[in-house]
Protein backbone atom coordinates (compact mmCIF):
# COMPACT_ATOMS: atom_id res chain seq x y z
CA MET A 1 124.89 123.40 101.33
CA PRO A 2 127.61 121.19 102.84
CA ARG A 3 130.36 120.05 100.55
CA VAL A 4 133.10 117.45 100.75
CA SER A 5 136.56 117.74 99.29
CA TRP A 6 137.77 115.34 96.69
CA GLN A 7 140.58 114.38 99.00
CA SER A 8 138.15 113.39 101.77
CA LEU A 9 136.01 111.53 99.28
CA LYS A 10 139.06 109.68 97.91
CA GLU A 11 139.96 108.50 101.44
CA PHE A 12 136.45 107.30 102.20
CA GLU A 13 136.35 103.52 102.47
CA ILE A 14 133.40 101.58 101.11
CA MET A 15 132.45 97.93 101.68
CA ILE A 16 132.10 95.68 98.68
CA PRO A 17 129.76 92.78 99.45
CA ASP A 18 130.63 89.19 98.73
CA ASP A 19 128.94 87.32 95.91
CA LYS A 20 126.39 85.63 98.16
CA THR A 21 125.19 88.93 99.58
CA ILE A 22 124.95 90.41 96.07
CA ILE A 23 122.86 87.44 94.88
CA GLU A 24 120.54 87.68 97.88
CA PHE A 25 120.18 91.45 97.36
CA GLU A 26 119.31 90.84 93.69
CA LYS A 27 116.69 88.25 94.65
CA ILE A 28 114.93 90.88 96.74
CA THR A 29 115.38 93.91 94.54
CA PHE A 30 114.93 92.44 91.02
CA PRO A 31 111.16 91.78 91.41
CA ILE A 32 110.71 95.30 92.81
CA LEU A 33 112.60 96.81 89.89
CA LYS A 34 110.65 94.71 87.40
CA SER A 35 107.39 95.94 88.91
CA ILE A 36 108.54 99.55 88.74
CA ILE A 37 109.44 99.19 85.03
CA GLN A 38 106.11 97.55 84.33
CA ARG A 39 104.22 100.36 86.02
CA ILE A 40 106.22 102.95 84.10
CA HIS A 41 105.11 101.33 80.85
CA GLU A 42 101.48 101.11 82.02
CA ASN A 43 101.59 104.76 83.02
CA LYS A 44 102.89 105.75 79.56
CA THR A 45 100.09 103.71 77.96
CA LEU A 46 97.41 105.28 80.16
CA THR A 47 98.85 108.77 79.46
CA GLN A 48 98.61 108.11 75.72
CA LEU A 49 95.02 106.85 76.06
CA ARG A 50 94.09 109.90 78.12
CA ASP A 51 95.62 112.23 75.58
CA ILE A 52 93.67 110.55 72.74
CA LEU A 53 90.34 110.17 74.52
CA LEU A 54 90.03 113.36 76.50
CA PRO A 55 89.71 115.73 73.52
CA LYS A 56 87.17 113.41 71.95
CA LEU A 57 85.15 113.24 75.16
CA MET A 58 85.27 117.06 75.59
CA SER A 59 84.13 117.60 71.99
CA GLY A 60 81.36 115.02 72.22
CA GLU A 61 82.90 112.92 69.43
CA VAL A 62 82.73 109.92 71.75
CA ASN A 63 80.90 109.31 75.01
CA VAL A 64 81.57 107.14 78.04
CA GLU A 65 79.14 104.45 76.89
CA GLN A 66 81.12 103.98 73.68
CA ILE A 67 84.38 103.65 75.58
CA THR A 68 83.06 101.19 78.11
CA ALA A 69 81.46 99.07 75.36
CA VAL A 70 84.90 98.69 73.75
CA ALA A 71 86.61 97.86 77.01
């Protein structure tokens, strides 16, 4: 695995964008980040529903018709 020394890393120059570029970048990336966060929450909710419903479906306690009637 290639490695870099701290000295080399310390000497590495990086560009810091101006405020206009940062604002434009945020305009593009913020909606994407917001969508990702929303999907993470949806995924957690769906996982919880699966964990609740699957054992009940497997045991016969509830059936698909009961679930679709509620939805």
